[in-house]
Amino acid sequence: MIPKLRRKLYMTLGVIIAIFVITNPSMKSFEEHQGTEHREFLARETNYFVCSIYHDYRHTERYLAILGNFFEL
């Protein structure tokens, strides 16, 4: 019984991590969010496995990108 429960737990965790990885926004998504195509003002500071941190140098704002959304830090 315990191995089945452990297998379900691993499968659930795997699906959750896969959702985070798949929905990690790209640089193009960040450009669309900021409403500009000028990449010289935008940068991806760090790219973690499930989220990213972007920087807009025009306004000195930083954003956490996770699950397809951008949140100002």
PDB file of N, CA and C in Angstrom:
ATOM      1  N   MET A   1       0.822  -1.204   0.000  1.00  0.00           N
ATOM      2  CA  MET A   1       0.000   0.000   0.000  1.00  0.00           C
ATOM      3  C   MET A   1       0.862   1.264   0.000  1.00  0.00           C
ATOM      4  N   ILE A   2       1.915   1.279   0.772  1.00  0.00           N
ATOM      5  CA  ILE A   2       2.760   2.471   0.850  1.00  0.00           C
ATOM      6  C   ILE A   2       3.424   2.803  -0.487  1.00  0.00           C
ATOM      7  N   PRO A   3       3.945   1.817  -1.250  1.00  0.00           N
ATOM      8  CA  PRO A   3       4.531   2.173  -2.541  1.00  0.00           C
ATOM      9  C   PRO A   3       3.544   2.841  -3.493  1.00  0.00           C
ATOM     10  N   LYS A   4       2.276   2.446  -3.471  1.00  0.00           N
ATOM     11  CA  LYS A   4       1.280   3.091  -4.337  1.00  0.00           C
ATOM     12  C   LYS A   4       1.061   4.536  -3.925  1.00  0.00           C
ATOM     13  N   LEU A   5       1.008   4.768  -2.626  1.00  0.00           N
ATOM     14  CA  LEU A   5       0.834   6.126  -2.128  1.00  0.00           C
ATOM     15  C   LEU A   5       2.038   6.984  -2.489  1.00  0.00           C
ATOM     16  N   ARG A   6       3.217   6.418  -2.357  1.00  0.00           N
ATOM     17  CA  ARG A   6       4.442   7.150  -2.697  1.00  0.00           C
ATOM     18  C   ARG A   6       4.479   7.457  -4.192  1.00  0.00           C
ATOM     19  N   ARG A   7       4.050   6.506  -5.011  1.00  0.00           N
ATOM     20  CA  ARG A   7       4.031   6.720  -6.457  1.00  0.00           C
ATOM     21  C   ARG A   7       3.058   7.845  -6.820  1.00  0.00           C
ATOM     22  N   LYS A   8       1.892   7.876  -6.179  1.00  0.00           N
ATOM     23  CA  LYS A   8       0.921   8.952  -6.431  1.00  0.00           C
ATOM     24  C   LYS A   8       1.489  10.302  -6.012  1.00  0.00           C
ATOM     25  N   LEU A   9       2.183  10.308  -4.882  1.00  0.00           N
ATOM     26  CA  LEU A   9       2.798  11.556  -4.415  1.00  0.00           C
ATOM     27  C   LEU A   9       3.841  12.058  -5.405  1.00  0.00           C
ATOM     28  N   TYR A  10       4.705  11.161  -5.890  1.00  0.00           N
ATOM     29  CA  TYR A  10       5.719  11.553  -6.873  1.00  0.00           C
ATOM     30  C   TYR A  10       5.092  12.022  -8.173  1.00  0.00           C
ATOM     31  N   MET A  11       4.048  11.354  -8.600  1.00  0.00           N
ATOM     32  CA  MET A  11       3.370  11.768  -9.832  1.00  0.00           C
ATOM     33  C   MET A  11       2.738  13.151  -9.661  1.00  0.00           C
ATOM     34  N   THR A  12       2.113  13.395  -8.533  1.00  0.00           N
ATOM     35  CA  THR A  12       1.493  14.691  -8.263  1.00  0.00           C
ATOM     36  C   THR A  12       2.546  15.791  -8.230  1.00  0.00           C
ATOM     37  N   LEU A  13       3.638  15.562  -7.527  1.00  0.00           N
ATOM     38  CA  LEU A  13       4.716  16.552  -7.475  1.00  0.00           C
ATOM     39  C   LEU A  13       5.319  16.784  -8.858  1.00  0.00           C
ATOM     40  N   GLY A  14       5.470  15.723  -9.634  1.00  0.00           N
ATOM     41  CA  GLY A  14       5.998  15.859 -10.991  1.00  0.00           C
ATOM     42  C   GLY A  14       5.097  16.698 -11.877  1.00  0.00           C
ATOM     43  N   VAL A  15       3.807  16.499 -11.772  1.00  0.00           N
ATOM     44  CA  VAL A  15       2.858  17.278 -12.574  1.00  0.00           C
ATOM     45  C   VAL A  15       2.892  18.750 -12.154  1.00  0.00           C
ATOM     46  N   ILE A  16       2.949  19.006 -10.857  1.00  0.00           N
ATOM     47  CA  ILE A  16       2.999  20.396 -10.370  1.00  0.00           C
ATOM     48  C   ILE A  16       4.264  21.085 -10.859  1.00  0.00           C
ATOM     49  N   ILE A  17       5.403  20.431 -10.761  1.00  0.00           N
ATOM     50  CA  ILE A  17       6.656  21.025 -11.231  1.00  0.00           C
ATOM     51  C   ILE A  17       6.616  21.234 -12.735  1.00  0.00           C
ATOM     52  N   ALA A  18       6.054  20.295 -13.481  1.00  0.00           N
ATOM     53  CA  ALA A  18       5.944  20.437 -14.935  1.00  0.00           C
ATOM     54  C   ALA A  18       5.089  21.645 -15.303  1.00  0.00           C
ATOM     55  N   ILE A  19       4.013  21.879 -14.571  1.00  0.00           N
ATOM     56  CA  ILE A  19       3.163  23.043 -14.835  1.00  0.00           C
ATOM     57  C   ILE A  19       3.953  24.332 -14.621  1.00  0.00           C
ATOM     58  N   PHE A  20       4.722  24.400 -13.538  1.00  0.00           N
ATOM     59  CA  PHE A  20       5.539  25.589 -13.287  1.00  0.00           C
ATOM     60  C   PHE A  20       6.581  25.798 -14.384  1.00  0.00           C
ATOM     61  N   VAL A  21       7.240  24.732 -14.817  1.00  0.00           N
ATOM     62  CA  VAL A  21       8.268  24.839 -15.859  1.00  0.00           C
ATOM     63  C   VAL A  21       7.660  25.280 -17.180  1.00  0.00           C
ATOM     64  N   ILE A  22       6.548  24.693 -17.551  1.00  0.00           N
ATOM     65  CA  ILE A  22       5.914  25.012 -18.830  1.00  0.00           C
ATOM     66  C   ILE A  22       5.398  26.443 -18.850  1.00  0.00           C
ATOM     67  N   THR A  23       4.926  26.950 -17.726  1.00  0.00           N
ATOM     68  CA  THR A  23       4.351  28.297 -17.695  1.00  0.00           C
ATOM     69  C   THR A  23       5.351  29.374 -17.288  1.00  0.00           C
ATOM     70  N   ASN A  24       6.645  29.043 -17.229  1.00  0.00           N
ATOM     71  CA  ASN A  24       7.666  30.055 -16.947  1.00  0.00           C
ATOM     72  C   ASN A  24       7.728  31.006 -18.147  1.00  0.00           C
ATOM     73  N   PRO A  25       7.358  32.289 -17.971  1.00  0.00           N
ATOM     74  CA  PRO A  25       7.267  33.218 -19.100  1.00  0.00           C
ATOM     75  C   PRO A  25       8.611  33.462 -19.786  1.00  0.00           C
ATOM     76  N   SER A  26       8.541  33.692 -21.078  1.00  0.00           N
ATOM     77  CA  SER A  26       9.729  33.968 -21.887  1.00  0.00           C
ATOM     78  C   SER A  26       9.983  35.473 -21.963  1.00  0.00           C
ATOM     79  N   MET A  27      11.102  35.810 -22.578  1.00  0.00           N
ATOM     80  CA  MET A  27      11.446  37.227 -22.772  1.00  0.00           C
ATOM     81  C   MET A  27      10.408  37.902 -23.675  1.00  0.00           C
ATOM     82  N   LYS A  28       9.916  37.191 -24.659  1.00  0.00           N
ATOM     83  CA  LYS A  28       8.894  37.762 -25.542  1.00  0.00           C
ATOM     84  C   LYS A  28       7.627  38.091 -24.757  1.00  0.00           C
ATOM     85  N   SER A  29       7.256  37.239 -23.822  1.00  0.00           N
ATOM     86  CA  SER A  29       6.089  37.507 -22.978  1.00  0.00           C
ATOM     87  C   SER A  29       6.314  38.758 -22.132  1.00  0.00           C
ATOM     88  N   PHE A  30       7.545  38.927 -21.652  1.00  0.00           N
ATOM     89  CA  PHE A  30       7.849  40.119 -20.858  1.00  0.00           C
ATOM     90  C   PHE A  30       7.781  41.375 -21.714  1.00  0.00           C
ATOM     91  N   GLU A  31       8.261  41.295 -22.951  1.00  0.00           N
ATOM     92  CA  GLU A  31       8.161  42.439 -23.864  1.00  0.00           C
ATOM     93  C   GLU A  31       6.700  42.815 -24.089  1.00  0.00           C
ATOM     94  N   GLU A  32       5.854  41.824 -24.301  1.00  0.00           N
ATOM     95  CA  GLU A  32       4.425  42.088 -24.509  1.00  0.00           C
ATOM     96  C   GLU A  32       3.794  42.674 -23.253  1.00  0.00           C
ATOM     97  N   HIS A  33       4.202  42.191 -22.098  1.00  0.00           N
ATOM     98  CA  HIS A  33       3.669  42.708 -20.829  1.00  0.00           C
ATOM     99  C   HIS A  33       4.044  44.171 -20.637  1.00  0.00           C
ATOM    100  N   GLN A  34       5.275  44.535 -21.009  1.00  0.00           N
ATOM    101  CA  GLN A  34       5.743  45.911 -20.858  1.00  0.00           C
ATOM    102  C   GLN A  34       5.278  46.799 -22.010  1.00  0.00           C
ATOM    103  N   GLY A  35       4.806  46.219 -23.079  1.00  0.00           N
ATOM    104  CA  GLY A  35       4.309  47.003 -24.209  1.00  0.00           C
ATOM    105  C   GLY A  35       5.410  47.624 -25.042  1.00  0.00           C
ATOM    106  N   THR A  36       6.548  46.974 -25.124  1.00  0.00           N
ATOM    107  CA  THR A  36       7.656  47.504 -25.911  1.00  0.00           C
ATOM    108  C   THR A  36       8.366  46.371 -26.625  1.00  0.00           C
ATOM    109  N   GLU A  37       9.040  46.716 -27.725  1.00  0.00           N
ATOM    110  CA  GLU A  37       9.854  45.744 -28.434  1.00  0.00           C
ATOM    111  C   GLU A  37      11.334  46.101 -28.323  1.00  0.00           C
ATOM    112  N   HIS A  38      11.671  47.042 -27.464  1.00  0.00           N
ATOM    113  CA  HIS A  38      13.055  47.479 -27.288  1.00  0.00           C
ATOM    114  C   HIS A  38      13.725  46.630 -26.219  1.00  0.00           C
ATOM    115  N   ARG A  39      14.422  45.606 -26.660  1.00  0.00           N
ATOM    116  CA  ARG A  39      15.054  44.681 -25.718  1.00  0.00           C
ATOM    117  C   ARG A  39      16.213  45.303 -24.956  1.00  0.00           C
ATOM    118  N   GLU A  40      16.754  46.413 -25.423  1.00  0.00           N
ATOM    119  CA  GLU A  40      17.905  46.993 -24.733  1.00  0.00           C
ATOM    120  C   GLU A  40      17.542  47.520 -23.351  1.00  0.00           C
ATOM    121  N   PHE A  41      16.269  47.757 -23.087  1.00  0.00           N
ATOM    122  CA  PHE A  41      15.822  48.237 -21.779  1.00  0.00           C
ATOM    123  C   PHE A  41      15.327  47.110 -20.878  1.00  0.00           C
ATOM    124  N   LEU A  42      15.171  45.919 -21.433  1.00  0.00           N
ATOM    125  CA  LEU A  42      14.620  44.797 -20.680  1.00  0.00           C
ATOM    126  C   LEU A  42      15.658  43.695 -20.555  1.00  0.00           C
ATOM    127  N   ALA A  43      15.660  43.026 -19.407  1.00  0.00           N
ATOM    128  CA  ALA A  43      16.625  41.949 -19.209  1.00  0.00           C
ATOM    129  C   ALA A  43      16.062  40.892 -18.277  1.00  0.00           C
ATOM    130  N   ARG A  44      16.469  39.676 -18.518  1.00  0.00           N
ATOM    131  CA  ARG A  44      16.147  38.572 -17.608  1.00  0.00           C
ATOM    132  C   ARG A  44      17.355  38.437 -16.681  1.00  0.00           C
ATOM    133  N   GLU A  45      17.187  38.861 -15.438  1.00  0.00           N
ATOM    134  CA  GLU A  45      18.297  38.824 -14.483  1.00  0.00           C
ATOM    135  C   GLU A  45      18.660  37.401 -14.109  1.00  0.00           C
ATOM    136  N   THR A  46      17.669  36.625 -13.730  1.00  0.00           N
ATOM    137  CA  THR A  46      17.912  35.240 -13.349  1.00  0.00           C
ATOM    138  C   THR A  46      16.807  34.368 -13.921  1.00  0.00           C
ATOM    139  N   ASN A  47      17.186  33.148 -14.246  1.00  0.00           N
ATOM    140  CA  ASN A  47      16.238  32.196 -14.791  1.00  0.00           C
ATOM    141  C   ASN A  47      16.316  30.929 -13.946  1.00  0.00           C
ATOM    142  N   TYR A  48      15.402  30.814 -13.024  1.00  0.00           N
ATOM    143  CA  TYR A  48      15.325  29.610 -12.212  1.00  0.00           C
ATOM    144  C   TYR A  48      14.514  28.568 -12.963  1.00  0.00           C
ATOM    145  N   PHE A  49      14.451  27.394 -12.416  1.00  0.00           N
ATOM    146  CA  PHE A  49      13.772  26.288 -13.081  1.00  0.00           C
ATOM    147  C   PHE A  49      12.275  26.540 -13.231  1.00  0.00           C
ATOM    148  N   VAL A  50      11.652  27.158 -12.234  1.00  0.00           N
ATOM    149  CA  VAL A  50      10.197  27.339 -12.252  1.00  0.00           C
ATOM    150  C   VAL A  50       9.768  28.797 -12.336  1.00  0.00           C
ATOM    151  N   CYS A  51      10.687  29.732 -12.225  1.00  0.00           N
ATOM    152  CA  CYS A  51      10.339  31.154 -12.310  1.00  0.00           C
ATOM    153  C   CYS A  51      11.548  31.935 -12.810  1.00  0.00           C
ATOM    154  N   SER A  52      11.325  33.197 -13.145  1.00  0.00           N
ATOM    155  CA  SER A  52      12.387  34.078 -13.614  1.00  0.00           C
ATOM    156  C   SER A  52      12.216  35.445 -12.972  1.00  0.00           C
ATOM    157  N   ILE A  53      13.304  36.211 -12.966  1.00  0.00           N
ATOM    158  CA  ILE A  53      13.253  37.590 -12.492  1.00  0.00           C
ATOM    159  C   ILE A  53      13.693  38.482 -13.646  1.00  0.00           C
ATOM    160  N   TYR A  54      12.823  39.420 -14.003  1.00  0.00           N
ATOM    161  CA  TYR A  54      13.083  40.345 -15.104  1.00  0.00           C
ATOM    162  C   TYR A  54      13.294  41.749 -14.560  1.00  0.00           C
ATOM    163  N   HIS A  55      14.009  42.567 -15.338  1.00  0.00           N
ATOM    164  CA  HIS A  55      14.307  43.943 -14.946  1.00  0.00           C
ATOM    165  C   HIS A  55      13.979  44.863 -16.116  1.00  0.00           C
ATOM    166  N   ASP A  56      13.267  45.934 -15.815  1.00  0.00           N
ATOM    167  CA  ASP A  56      12.975  46.983 -16.794  1.00  0.00           C
ATOM    168  C   ASP A  56      13.825  48.185 -16.404  1.00  0.00           C
ATOM    169  N   TYR A  57      14.881  48.453 -17.179  1.00  0.00           N
ATOM    170  CA  TYR A  57      15.831  49.514 -16.829  1.00  0.00           C
ATOM    171  C   TYR A  57      15.292  50.919 -17.091  1.00  0.00           C
ATOM    172  N   ARG A  58      14.222  51.041 -17.853  1.00  0.00           N
ATOM    173  CA  ARG A  58      13.649  52.372 -18.070  1.00  0.00           C
ATOM    174  C   ARG A  58      13.039  52.910 -16.794  1.00  0.00           C
ATOM    175  N   HIS A  59      12.406  52.032 -16.020  1.00  0.00           N
ATOM    176  CA  HIS A  59      11.702  52.455 -14.808  1.00  0.00           C
ATOM    177  C   HIS A  59      12.332  51.868 -13.547  1.00  0.00           C
ATOM    178  N   THR A  60      13.467  51.186 -13.694  1.00  0.00           N
ATOM    179  CA  THR A  60      14.157  50.499 -12.594  1.00  0.00           C
ATOM    180  C   THR A  60      13.205  49.627 -11.779  1.00  0.00           C
ATOM    181  N   GLU A  61      12.389  48.866 -12.481  1.00  0.00           N
ATOM    182  CA  GLU A  61      11.450  47.960 -11.825  1.00  0.00           C
ATOM    183  C   GLU A  61      11.895  46.525 -12.064  1.00  0.00           C
ATOM    184  N   ARG A  62      11.667  45.679 -11.068  1.00  0.00           N
ATOM    185  CA  ARG A  62      11.968  44.256 -11.179  1.00  0.00           C
ATOM    186  C   ARG A  62      10.661  43.479 -11.061  1.00  0.00           C
ATOM    187  N   TYR A  63      10.596  42.362 -11.783  1.00  0.00           N
ATOM    188  CA  TYR A  63       9.382  41.554 -11.819  1.00  0.00           C
ATOM    189  C   TYR A  63       9.714  40.083 -11.588  1.00  0.00           C
ATOM    190  N   LEU A  64       8.864  39.427 -10.820  1.00  0.00           N
ATOM    191  CA  LEU A  64       8.922  37.988 -10.662  1.00  0.00           C
ATOM    192  C   LEU A  64       7.961  37.391 -11.668  1.00  0.00           C
ATOM    193  N   ALA A  65       8.455  36.499 -12.520  1.00  0.00           N
ATOM    194  CA  ALA A  65       7.622  35.868 -13.537  1.00  0.00           C
ATOM    195  C   ALA A  65       7.400  34.410 -13.138  1.00  0.00           C
ATOM    196  N   ILE A  66       6.131  34.075 -12.899  1.00  0.00           N
ATOM    197  CA  ILE A  66       5.796  32.713 -12.511  1.00  0.00           C
ATOM    198  C   ILE A  66       4.369  32.408 -12.951  1.00  0.00           C
ATOM    199  N   LEU A  67       4.150  31.196 -13.395  1.00  0.00           N
ATOM    200  CA  LEU A  67       2.833  30.738 -13.863  1.00  0.00           C
ATOM    201  C   LEU A  67       2.244  31.652 -14.943  1.00  0.00           C
ATOM    202  N   GLY A  68       3.087  32.174 -15.819  1.00  0.00           N
ATOM    203  CA  GLY A  68       2.621  32.993 -16.932  1.00  0.00           C
ATOM    204  C   GLY A  68       2.274  34.421 -16.565  1.00  0.00           C
ATOM    205  N   ASN A  69       2.559  34.844 -15.338  1.00  0.00           N
ATOM    206  CA  ASN A  69       2.243  36.187 -14.879  1.00  0.00           C
ATOM    207  C   ASN A  69       3.503  36.905 -14.412  1.00  0.00           C
ATOM    208  N   PHE A  70       3.395  38.242 -14.326  1.00  0.00           N
ATOM    209  CA  PHE A  70       4.499  39.070 -13.852  1.00  0.00           C
ATOM    210  C   PHE A  70       4.044  39.845 -12.622  1.00  0.00           C
ATOM    211  N   PHE A  71       4.826  39.749 -11.571  1.00  0.00           N
ATOM    212  CA  PHE A  71       4.519  40.436 -10.326  1.00  0.00           C
ATOM    213  C   PHE A  71       5.661  41.373  -9.982  1.00  0.00           C
ATOM    214  N   GLU A  72       5.344  42.649  -9.731  1.00  0.00           N
ATOM    215  CA  GLU A  72       6.370  43.628  -9.405  1.00  0.00           C
ATOM    216  C   GLU A  72       6.953  43.335  -8.028  1.00  0.00           C
ATOM    217  N   LEU A  73       8.279  43.395  -7.954  1.00  0.00           N
ATOM    218  CA  LEU A  73       8.964  43.175  -6.679  1.00  0.00           C
ATOM    219  C   LEU A  73       9.236  44.474  -5.977  1.00  0.00           C
TER     220      LEU A  73
END
